[in-house]
Amino acid sequence: MRKILQADTETLRDYGAFELQQAGILDKIVDAIPFQTVPYRMKAVIAISEIISFASQFKRNIAHWDDIEVPVNTIGFVLCGSGGGKDSSKKAAHKCFAPGYELIESKRKQLNHSQAKEAAREAGEELWENFDIYKEFLKSTPPLSIAPSTGPGYLEHINDIGEHSIGTGFLYTG
């Protein structure tokens, strides 16, 4: 056990995890939130949430030392009154990742079509690569961002999105 911790400490040191300087991407996202009335710490929490939310889309779990995998995720809280800039700051930070989300959506669509073709082939369809044939096997691709109105609705969304190899849910309430 001690050797594992020592090796992990060395790896973290190699990656700069113990340096006090924060990652440049955090500064860039914070700077993208233009509102002067929003405190730095609030911008930083929103930026971190957006960074981790984007990273989680790729479903690359963290290998834990006891042979379990932990998904990349975060829970962040920003508490302030109405008009405090929560929603507009979140939107500004999210825009930084717009090109990446476009690529993710494109890949999700491509994977969905590939899975439909494979299902058509397995069903014995002769022209399984023809859209008119495999379209019957296309499943709807759940959106990455939703505003569920019920707990069961959100759980259904989590289950639906879990069936896909890329993309994960995000819950935000303002």
N, C-alpha and C. Protein backbone atom coordinates (compact mmCIF):
# COMPACT_ATOMS: atom_id res chain seq x y z
N MET A 1 0.83 -1.19 0.00
CA MET A 1 0.00 0.00 0.00
C MET A 1 0.87 1.25 0.00
N ARG A 2 1.92 1.25 0.79
CA ARG A 2 2.80 2.42 0.88
C ARG A 2 3.47 2.69 -0.46
N LYS A 3 3.84 1.62 -1.21
CA LYS A 3 4.46 1.79 -2.52
C LYS A 3 3.48 2.42 -3.50
N ILE A 4 2.20 2.01 -3.44
CA ILE A 4 1.19 2.59 -4.31
C ILE A 4 1.06 4.08 -4.04
N LEU A 5 0.95 4.46 -2.79
CA LEU A 5 0.81 5.87 -2.45
C LEU A 5 2.04 6.67 -2.85
N GLN A 6 3.23 6.09 -2.69
CA GLN A 6 4.45 6.78 -3.07
C GLN A 6 4.49 6.98 -4.59
N ALA A 7 4.12 5.95 -5.35
CA ALA A 7 4.10 6.05 -6.81
C ALA A 7 3.07 7.08 -7.25
N ASP A 8 1.90 7.07 -6.63
CA ASP A 8 0.86 8.04 -6.98
C ASP A 8 1.31 9.45 -6.66
N THR A 9 2.01 9.65 -5.55
CA THR A 9 2.52 10.96 -5.18
C THR A 9 3.52 11.44 -6.22
N GLU A 10 4.39 10.55 -6.67
CA GLU A 10 5.38 10.92 -7.69
C GLU A 10 4.69 11.28 -9.00
N THR A 11 3.68 10.53 -9.38
CA THR A 11 2.94 10.81 -10.60
C THR A 11 2.26 12.17 -10.50
N LEU A 12 1.61 12.43 -9.38
CA LEU A 12 0.95 13.72 -9.19
C LEU A 12 1.96 14.87 -9.20
N ARG A 13 3.11 14.64 -8.61
CA ARG A 13 4.17 15.66 -8.63
C ARG A 13 4.61 15.92 -10.07
N ASP A 14 4.78 14.84 -10.86
CA ASP A 14 5.18 14.99 -12.26
C ASP A 14 4.17 15.80 -13.06
N TYR A 15 2.90 15.66 -12.74
CA TYR A 15 1.85 16.42 -13.42
C TYR A 15 1.68 17.82 -12.87
N GLY A 16 2.40 18.18 -11.84
CA GLY A 16 2.33 19.52 -11.27
C GLY A 16 1.15 19.73 -10.34
N ALA A 17 0.59 18.65 -9.81
CA ALA A 17 -0.59 18.76 -8.96
C ALA A 17 -0.34 19.51 -7.66
N PHE A 18 0.91 19.55 -7.21
CA PHE A 18 1.21 20.19 -5.94
C PHE A 18 1.72 21.62 -6.10
N GLU A 19 1.76 22.10 -7.33
CA GLU A 19 2.19 23.48 -7.58
C GLU A 19 1.03 24.41 -7.26
N LEU A 20 1.33 25.57 -6.76
CA LEU A 20 0.29 26.50 -6.36
C LEU A 20 -0.32 27.24 -7.54
N GLN A 21 0.34 27.27 -8.67
CA GLN A 21 -0.19 27.95 -9.84
C GLN A 21 -1.36 27.15 -10.40
N GLN A 22 -2.48 27.83 -10.65
CA GLN A 22 -3.63 27.12 -11.19
C GLN A 22 -3.51 26.99 -12.70
N ALA A 23 -4.27 26.06 -13.24
CA ALA A 23 -4.24 25.80 -14.68
C ALA A 23 -4.69 27.03 -15.46
N GLY A 24 -4.02 27.28 -16.56
CA GLY A 24 -4.33 28.44 -17.39
C GLY A 24 -5.75 28.45 -17.93
N ILE A 25 -6.29 27.25 -18.16
CA ILE A 25 -7.65 27.20 -18.70
C ILE A 25 -8.66 27.82 -17.73
N LEU A 26 -8.42 27.67 -16.45
CA LEU A 26 -9.33 28.27 -15.47
C LEU A 26 -9.33 29.79 -15.62
N ASP A 27 -8.16 30.38 -15.75
CA ASP A 27 -8.07 31.83 -15.94
C ASP A 27 -8.79 32.28 -17.20
N LYS A 28 -8.65 31.50 -18.28
CA LYS A 28 -9.29 31.86 -19.54
C LYS A 28 -10.81 31.83 -19.43
N ILE A 29 -11.34 30.81 -18.76
CA ILE A 29 -12.80 30.72 -18.60
C ILE A 29 -13.29 31.83 -17.68
N VAL A 30 -12.58 32.08 -16.59
CA VAL A 30 -12.95 33.17 -15.68
C VAL A 30 -12.95 34.50 -16.44
N ASP A 31 -11.93 34.72 -17.26
CA ASP A 31 -11.85 35.96 -18.03
C ASP A 31 -12.97 36.08 -19.07
N ALA A 32 -13.52 34.96 -19.48
CA ALA A 32 -14.61 34.97 -20.47
C ALA A 32 -15.94 35.40 -19.85
N ILE A 33 -15.99 35.45 -18.54
CA ILE A 33 -17.20 35.93 -17.84
C ILE A 33 -16.99 37.43 -17.64
N PRO A 34 -17.63 38.26 -18.45
CA PRO A 34 -17.27 39.68 -18.50
C PRO A 34 -17.88 40.58 -17.42
N PHE A 35 -18.68 40.04 -16.58
CA PHE A 35 -19.45 40.89 -15.67
C PHE A 35 -18.63 41.34 -14.46
N GLN A 36 -18.47 42.64 -14.33
CA GLN A 36 -17.65 43.21 -13.25
C GLN A 36 -18.29 43.03 -11.88
N THR A 37 -19.60 42.86 -11.84
CA THR A 37 -20.28 42.74 -10.55
C THR A 37 -20.21 41.32 -9.98
N VAL A 38 -19.73 40.37 -10.78
CA VAL A 38 -19.64 38.98 -10.33
C VAL A 38 -18.28 38.77 -9.67
N PRO A 39 -18.28 38.33 -8.41
CA PRO A 39 -17.01 38.12 -7.71
C PRO A 39 -16.16 37.01 -8.36
N TYR A 40 -14.85 37.14 -8.21
CA TYR A 40 -13.91 36.17 -8.80
C TYR A 40 -14.24 34.74 -8.35
N ARG A 41 -14.51 34.53 -7.08
CA ARG A 41 -14.74 33.16 -6.59
C ARG A 41 -15.98 32.54 -7.24
N MET A 42 -16.98 33.35 -7.48
CA MET A 42 -18.18 32.85 -8.15
C MET A 42 -17.84 32.46 -9.59
N LYS A 43 -17.08 33.30 -10.27
CA LYS A 43 -16.65 32.98 -11.63
C LYS A 43 -15.82 31.70 -11.65
N ALA A 44 -14.96 31.54 -10.65
CA ALA A 44 -14.09 30.36 -10.59
C ALA A 44 -14.90 29.09 -10.39
N VAL A 45 -15.90 29.12 -9.52
CA VAL A 45 -16.75 27.93 -9.30
C VAL A 45 -17.49 27.58 -10.59
N ILE A 46 -18.01 28.58 -11.26
CA ILE A 46 -18.73 28.34 -12.52
C ILE A 46 -17.76 27.79 -13.58
N ALA A 47 -16.57 28.36 -13.66
CA ALA A 47 -15.57 27.90 -14.63
C ALA A 47 -15.17 26.45 -14.36
N ILE A 48 -14.91 26.13 -13.12
CA ILE A 48 -14.54 24.76 -12.76
C ILE A 48 -15.67 23.79 -13.11
N SER A 49 -16.89 24.18 -12.81
CA SER A 49 -18.04 23.34 -13.14
C SER A 49 -18.12 23.08 -14.64
N GLU A 50 -17.91 24.11 -15.44
CA GLU A 50 -17.96 23.95 -16.89
C GLU A 50 -16.81 23.09 -17.41
N ILE A 51 -15.63 23.27 -16.85
CA ILE A 51 -14.47 22.48 -17.27
C ILE A 51 -14.71 21.00 -16.97
N ILE A 52 -15.18 20.72 -15.77
CA ILE A 52 -15.40 19.32 -15.39
C ILE A 52 -16.58 18.73 -16.16
N SER A 53 -17.61 19.53 -16.38
CA SER A 53 -18.75 19.05 -17.16
C SER A 53 -18.31 18.67 -18.57
N PHE A 54 -17.46 19.49 -19.18
CA PHE A 54 -16.97 19.17 -20.52
C PHE A 54 -16.11 17.91 -20.48
N ALA A 55 -15.22 17.81 -19.52
CA ALA A 55 -14.36 16.62 -19.41
C ALA A 55 -15.18 15.35 -19.21
N SER A 56 -16.28 15.46 -18.49
CA SER A 56 -17.10 14.28 -18.21
C SER A 56 -17.79 13.74 -19.46
N GLN A 57 -17.92 14.56 -20.50
CA GLN A 57 -18.61 14.14 -21.72
C GLN A 57 -17.93 12.95 -22.38
N PHE A 58 -16.65 12.76 -22.11
CA PHE A 58 -15.87 11.71 -22.76
C PHE A 58 -15.86 10.40 -21.97
N LYS A 59 -16.49 10.41 -20.81
CA LYS A 59 -16.66 9.22 -19.98
C LYS A 59 -15.34 8.48 -19.74
N ARG A 60 -14.31 9.25 -19.43
CA ARG A 60 -13.02 8.68 -19.06
C ARG A 60 -12.96 8.67 -17.54
N ASN A 61 -13.22 7.53 -16.97
CA ASN A 61 -13.27 7.43 -15.52
C ASN A 61 -11.87 7.49 -14.90
N ILE A 62 -11.85 7.83 -13.63
CA ILE A 62 -10.62 7.85 -12.87
C ILE A 62 -10.44 6.45 -12.25
N ALA A 63 -9.31 5.81 -12.53
CA ALA A 63 -9.04 4.49 -11.96
C ALA A 63 -8.62 4.68 -10.51
N HIS A 64 -9.44 4.21 -9.62
CA HIS A 64 -9.19 4.35 -8.18
C HIS A 64 -8.25 3.23 -7.74
N TRP A 65 -7.53 3.47 -6.68
CA TRP A 65 -6.52 2.51 -6.22
C TRP A 65 -7.10 1.16 -5.82
N ASP A 66 -8.39 1.08 -5.49
CA ASP A 66 -8.96 -0.21 -5.08
C ASP A 66 -9.75 -0.88 -6.20
N ASP A 67 -9.31 -0.64 -7.44
CA ASP A 67 -9.84 -1.28 -8.64
C ASP A 67 -11.29 -0.93 -8.97
N ILE A 68 -11.73 0.23 -8.56
CA ILE A 68 -13.03 0.71 -9.03
C ILE A 68 -12.78 1.95 -9.89
N GLU A 69 -13.73 2.27 -10.72
CA GLU A 69 -13.61 3.45 -11.56
C GLU A 69 -14.61 4.49 -11.09
N VAL A 70 -14.15 5.71 -10.99
CA VAL A 70 -14.96 6.81 -10.51
C VAL A 70 -15.20 7.77 -11.67
N PRO A 71 -16.46 8.07 -11.99
CA PRO A 71 -16.70 9.01 -13.09
C PRO A 71 -16.25 10.42 -12.73
N VAL A 72 -15.85 11.16 -13.75
CA VAL A 72 -15.50 12.56 -13.57
C VAL A 72 -16.81 13.32 -13.37
N ASN A 73 -16.90 14.06 -12.28
CA ASN A 73 -18.12 14.77 -11.99
C ASN A 73 -17.85 15.83 -10.94
N THR A 74 -18.80 16.71 -10.75
CA THR A 74 -18.67 17.75 -9.74
C THR A 74 -20.06 18.21 -9.30
N ILE A 75 -20.10 18.75 -8.14
CA ILE A 75 -21.28 19.44 -7.66
C ILE A 75 -20.80 20.80 -7.20
N GLY A 76 -21.36 21.84 -7.75
CA GLY A 76 -20.96 23.19 -7.38
C GLY A 76 -22.17 24.00 -6.95
N PHE A 77 -21.97 24.87 -6.00
CA PHE A 77 -23.04 25.73 -5.53
C PHE A 77 -22.59 27.18 -5.60
N VAL A 78 -23.42 28.00 -6.18
CA VAL A 78 -23.23 29.44 -6.18
C VAL A 78 -24.52 30.02 -5.63
N LEU A 79 -24.42 30.63 -4.47
CA LEU A 79 -25.60 31.19 -3.83
C LEU A 79 -25.52 32.71 -3.87
N CYS A 80 -26.49 33.31 -4.52
CA CYS A 80 -26.60 34.76 -4.52
C CYS A 80 -28.03 35.12 -4.93
N GLY A 81 -28.38 36.33 -4.70
CA GLY A 81 -29.74 36.77 -4.97
C GLY A 81 -30.05 36.87 -6.45
N SER A 82 -31.32 37.10 -6.72
CA SER A 82 -31.77 37.30 -8.09
C SER A 82 -31.04 38.48 -8.70
N GLY A 83 -30.61 38.31 -9.94
CA GLY A 83 -29.87 39.38 -10.61
C GLY A 83 -28.39 39.40 -10.28
N GLY A 84 -27.92 38.38 -9.59
CA GLY A 84 -26.51 38.34 -9.19
C GLY A 84 -25.56 37.89 -10.28
N GLY A 85 -26.09 37.46 -11.43
CA GLY A 85 -25.24 37.09 -12.55
C GLY A 85 -24.96 35.61 -12.69
N LYS A 86 -25.71 34.77 -11.98
CA LYS A 86 -25.46 33.32 -12.06
C LYS A 86 -25.68 32.78 -13.47
N ASP A 87 -26.88 33.01 -14.00
CA ASP A 87 -27.24 32.45 -15.30
C ASP A 87 -26.38 33.01 -16.43
N SER A 88 -26.19 34.32 -16.45
CA SER A 88 -25.41 34.92 -17.53
C SER A 88 -23.94 34.51 -17.44
N SER A 89 -23.43 34.33 -16.23
CA SER A 89 -22.04 33.87 -16.07
C SER A 89 -21.89 32.44 -16.54
N LYS A 90 -22.86 31.60 -16.21
CA LYS A 90 -22.83 30.20 -16.64
C LYS A 90 -22.87 30.12 -18.17
N LYS A 91 -23.73 30.92 -18.78
CA LYS A 91 -23.83 30.92 -20.25
C LYS A 91 -22.52 31.39 -20.88
N ALA A 92 -21.91 32.41 -20.32
CA ALA A 92 -20.64 32.92 -20.86
C ALA A 92 -19.54 31.86 -20.76
N ALA A 93 -19.47 31.18 -19.64
CA ALA A 93 -18.46 30.13 -19.46
C ALA A 93 -18.73 28.96 -20.39
N HIS A 94 -19.99 28.59 -20.55
CA HIS A 94 -20.35 27.47 -21.41
C HIS A 94 -20.00 27.73 -22.87
N LYS A 95 -20.12 28.98 -23.30
CA LYS A 95 -19.81 29.34 -24.69
C LYS A 95 -18.36 29.03 -25.04
N CYS A 96 -17.49 29.02 -24.06
CA CYS A 96 -16.08 28.70 -24.31
C CYS A 96 -15.91 27.30 -24.88
N PHE A 97 -16.86 26.44 -24.60
CA PHE A 97 -16.77 25.05 -25.03
C PHE A 97 -17.66 24.73 -26.22
N ALA A 98 -18.30 25.74 -26.81
CA ALA A 98 -19.24 25.52 -27.90
C ALA A 98 -18.65 24.70 -29.06
N PRO A 99 -17.44 25.00 -29.55
CA PRO A 99 -16.90 24.18 -30.64
C PRO A 99 -16.71 22.71 -30.22
N GLY A 100 -16.30 22.49 -28.98
CA GLY A 100 -16.13 21.13 -28.49
C GLY A 100 -17.45 20.38 -28.41
N TYR A 101 -18.50 21.06 -27.96
CA TYR A 101 -19.81 20.43 -27.88
C TYR A 101 -20.36 20.12 -29.28
N GLU A 102 -20.03 20.97 -30.26
CA GLU A 102 -20.45 20.68 -31.64
C GLU A 102 -19.79 19.39 -32.12
N LEU A 103 -18.51 19.21 -31.81
CA LEU A 103 -17.81 17.97 -32.19
C LEU A 103 -18.41 16.77 -31.48
N ILE A 104 -18.73 16.92 -30.21
CA ILE A 104 -19.33 15.83 -29.44
C ILE A 104 -20.67 15.44 -30.05
N GLU A 105 -21.50 16.43 -30.37
CA GLU A 105 -22.81 16.13 -30.97
C GLU A 105 -22.66 15.43 -32.31
N SER A 106 -21.69 15.85 -33.11
CA SER A 106 -21.43 15.21 -34.39
C SER A 106 -21.02 13.75 -34.20
N LYS A 107 -20.15 13.51 -33.24
CA LYS A 107 -19.71 12.14 -32.95
C LYS A 107 -20.86 11.29 -32.43
N ARG A 108 -21.70 11.87 -31.58
CA ARG A 108 -22.85 11.13 -31.05
C ARG A 108 -23.80 10.72 -32.18
N LYS A 109 -24.00 11.63 -33.13
CA LYS A 109 -24.87 11.31 -34.28
C LYS A 109 -24.24 10.20 -35.13
N GLN A 110 -22.94 10.30 -35.36
CA GLN A 110 -22.23 9.29 -36.14
C GLN A 110 -22.32 7.92 -35.46
N LEU A 111 -22.09 7.88 -34.16
CA LEU A 111 -22.18 6.62 -33.42
C LEU A 111 -23.60 6.05 -33.45
N ASN A 112 -24.58 6.91 -33.36
CA ASN A 112 -25.97 6.48 -33.39
C ASN A 112 -26.29 5.81 -34.73
N HIS A 113 -25.81 6.41 -35.82
CA HIS A 113 -26.04 5.82 -37.15
C HIS A 113 -25.29 4.49 -37.29
N SER A 114 -24.07 4.43 -36.77
CA SER A 114 -23.31 3.17 -36.82
C SER A 114 -24.02 2.05 -36.06
N GLN A 115 -24.55 2.39 -34.90
CA GLN A 115 -25.27 1.39 -34.11
C GLN A 115 -26.54 0.95 -34.81
N ALA A 116 -27.22 1.87 -35.48
CA ALA A 116 -28.44 1.51 -36.21
C ALA A 116 -28.11 0.59 -37.39
N LYS A 117 -27.02 0.88 -38.08
CA LYS A 117 -26.59 0.01 -39.19
C LYS A 117 -26.27 -1.38 -38.68
N GLU A 118 -25.57 -1.45 -37.56
CA GLU A 118 -25.22 -2.75 -36.98
C GLU A 118 -26.47 -3.51 -36.56
N ALA A 119 -27.44 -2.82 -36.00
CA ALA A 119 -28.69 -3.47 -35.60
C ALA A 119 -29.44 -3.98 -36.82
N ALA A 120 -29.44 -3.21 -37.91
CA ALA A 120 -30.10 -3.64 -39.14
C ALA A 120 -29.39 -4.87 -39.73
N ARG A 121 -28.07 -4.86 -39.67
CA ARG A 121 -27.29 -6.01 -40.18
C ARG A 121 -27.60 -7.25 -39.36
N GLU A 122 -27.60 -7.09 -38.02
CA GLU A 122 -27.89 -8.23 -37.15
C GLU A 122 -29.33 -8.73 -37.31
N ALA A 123 -30.22 -7.86 -37.74
CA ALA A 123 -31.61 -8.26 -37.96
C ALA A 123 -31.79 -8.98 -39.30
N GLY A 124 -30.70 -9.06 -40.08
CA GLY A 124 -30.75 -9.79 -41.34
C GLY A 124 -31.16 -8.95 -42.54
N GLU A 125 -31.17 -7.66 -42.39
CA GLU A 125 -31.52 -6.78 -43.51
C GLU A 125 -30.42 -6.86 -44.57
N GLU A 126 -30.83 -7.05 -45.84
CA GLU A 126 -29.85 -7.18 -46.91
C GLU A 126 -29.11 -5.88 -47.19
N LEU A 127 -29.81 -4.80 -47.29
CA LEU A 127 -29.21 -3.50 -47.60
C LEU A 127 -29.08 -2.67 -46.33
N TRP A 128 -28.46 -3.26 -45.32
CA TRP A 128 -28.41 -2.66 -43.99
C TRP A 128 -27.69 -1.32 -43.95
N GLU A 129 -26.84 -1.00 -44.91
CA GLU A 129 -26.13 0.28 -44.92
C GLU A 129 -26.96 1.40 -45.58
N ASN A 130 -28.08 1.05 -46.16
CA ASN A 130 -28.97 2.01 -46.81
C ASN A 130 -29.81 2.71 -45.74
N PHE A 131 -29.80 4.06 -45.77
CA PHE A 131 -30.52 4.83 -44.74
C PHE A 131 -31.99 4.43 -44.67
N ASP A 132 -32.63 4.18 -45.81
CA ASP A 132 -34.04 3.82 -45.78
C ASP A 132 -34.28 2.52 -45.01
N ILE A 133 -33.27 1.68 -44.92
CA ILE A 133 -33.37 0.42 -44.17
C ILE A 133 -33.01 0.64 -42.70
N TYR A 134 -31.85 1.23 -42.45
CA TYR A 134 -31.39 1.33 -41.06
C TYR A 134 -32.07 2.42 -40.26
N LYS A 135 -32.81 3.33 -40.92
CA LYS A 135 -33.48 4.40 -40.17
C LYS A 135 -34.49 3.85 -39.18
N GLU A 136 -35.01 2.69 -39.46
CA GLU A 136 -35.97 2.05 -38.54
C GLU A 136 -35.29 1.62 -37.23
N PHE A 137 -33.97 1.51 -37.27
CA PHE A 137 -33.21 1.07 -36.10
C PHE A 137 -32.56 2.23 -35.35
N LEU A 138 -32.72 3.45 -35.84
CA LEU A 138 -32.15 4.62 -35.17
C LEU A 138 -32.87 4.88 -33.86
N LYS A 139 -32.10 5.13 -32.83
CA LYS A 139 -32.66 5.50 -31.53
C LYS A 139 -32.51 7.01 -31.37
N SER A 140 -33.38 7.61 -30.61
CA SER A 140 -33.22 9.04 -30.36
C SER A 140 -32.00 9.25 -29.47
N THR A 141 -31.29 10.33 -29.74
CA THR A 141 -30.11 10.66 -28.96
C THR A 141 -30.53 11.69 -27.92
N PRO A 142 -30.44 11.35 -26.65
CA PRO A 142 -30.88 12.30 -25.62
C PRO A 142 -30.01 13.55 -25.61
N PRO A 143 -30.62 14.69 -25.36
CA PRO A 143 -29.84 15.93 -25.31
C PRO A 143 -28.88 15.93 -24.14
N LEU A 144 -27.79 16.69 -24.28
CA LEU A 144 -26.81 16.77 -23.20
C LEU A 144 -27.28 17.67 -22.06
N SER A 145 -28.04 18.68 -22.40
CA SER A 145 -28.49 19.62 -21.39
C SER A 145 -30.02 19.66 -21.37
N ILE A 146 -30.59 19.42 -20.22
CA ILE A 146 -32.04 19.43 -20.08
C ILE A 146 -32.42 20.19 -18.82
N ALA A 147 -33.68 20.46 -18.70
CA ALA A 147 -34.22 21.07 -17.48
C ALA A 147 -35.39 20.20 -17.03
N PRO A 148 -35.09 19.08 -16.37
CA PRO A 148 -36.16 18.16 -16.00
C PRO A 148 -37.07 18.77 -14.93
N SER A 149 -38.34 18.46 -15.03
CA SER A 149 -39.28 19.02 -14.06
C SER A 149 -39.59 18.04 -12.93
N THR A 150 -39.16 16.78 -13.10
CA THR A 150 -39.42 15.79 -12.06
C THR A 150 -38.18 14.93 -11.82
N GLY A 151 -38.08 14.37 -10.64
CA GLY A 151 -36.99 13.44 -10.33
C GLY A 151 -37.00 12.23 -11.24
N PRO A 152 -38.16 11.57 -11.42
CA PRO A 152 -38.20 10.42 -12.33
C PRO A 152 -37.79 10.79 -13.77
N GLY A 153 -38.15 11.98 -14.21
CA GLY A 153 -37.76 12.43 -15.55
C GLY A 153 -36.26 12.57 -15.68
N TYR A 154 -35.64 13.09 -14.63
CA TYR A 154 -34.18 13.23 -14.65
C TYR A 154 -33.51 11.86 -14.61
N LEU A 155 -34.02 10.95 -13.81
CA LEU A 155 -33.45 9.59 -13.75
C LEU A 155 -33.59 8.89 -15.10
N GLU A 156 -34.71 9.08 -15.76
CA GLU A 156 -34.89 8.49 -17.09
C GLU A 156 -33.85 9.05 -18.07
N HIS A 157 -33.62 10.35 -17.98
CA HIS A 157 -32.61 10.98 -18.83
C HIS A 157 -31.22 10.42 -18.55
N ILE A 158 -30.88 10.28 -17.28
CA ILE A 158 -29.57 9.72 -16.91
C ILE A 158 -29.42 8.31 -17.46
N ASN A 159 -30.47 7.50 -17.35
CA ASN A 159 -30.41 6.14 -17.88
C ASN A 159 -30.28 6.14 -19.40
N ASP A 160 -31.03 7.01 -20.08
CA ASP A 160 -30.96 7.08 -21.54
C ASP A 160 -29.57 7.50 -22.01
N ILE A 161 -29.01 8.51 -21.38
CA ILE A 161 -27.71 9.02 -21.81
C ILE A 161 -26.59 8.04 -21.44
N GLY A 162 -26.83 7.23 -20.41
CA GLY A 162 -25.85 6.23 -20.01
C GLY A 162 -25.65 5.13 -21.03
N GLU A 163 -26.60 4.97 -21.94
CA GLU A 163 -26.50 3.95 -22.98
C GLU A 163 -25.56 4.36 -24.11
N HIS A 164 -25.12 5.59 -24.09
CA HIS A 164 -24.26 6.11 -25.15
C HIS A 164 -22.81 6.20 -24.66
N SER A 165 -21.87 5.99 -25.57
CA SER A 165 -20.46 5.95 -25.18
C SER A 165 -19.83 7.32 -25.04
N ILE A 166 -20.52 8.35 -25.49
CA ILE A 166 -20.02 9.71 -25.34
C ILE A 166 -21.19 10.63 -24.97
N GLY A 167 -20.91 11.58 -24.12
CA GLY A 167 -21.95 12.50 -23.67
C GLY A 167 -22.50 12.08 -22.31
N THR A 168 -22.70 13.08 -21.46
CA THR A 168 -23.27 12.80 -20.16
C THR A 168 -24.16 13.97 -19.74
N GLY A 169 -24.98 13.74 -18.78
CA GLY A 169 -25.95 14.75 -18.38
C GLY A 169 -25.36 15.86 -17.55
N PHE A 170 -26.10 16.95 -17.50
CA PHE A 170 -25.71 18.11 -16.71
C PHE A 170 -26.98 18.69 -16.15
N LEU A 171 -27.00 18.90 -14.87
CA LEU A 171 -28.18 19.47 -14.23
C LEU A 171 -27.81 20.84 -13.68
N TYR A 172 -28.59 21.82 -14.07
CA TYR A 172 -28.34 23.20 -13.61
C TYR A 172 -29.67 23.79 -13.20
N THR A 173 -29.66 24.47 -12.10
CA THR A 173 -30.83 25.23 -11.71
C THR A 173 -30.36 26.61 -11.27
N GLY A 174 -31.02 27.63 -11.74
CA GLY A 174 -30.62 28.98 -11.46
C GLY A 174 -31.45 29.62 -10.35
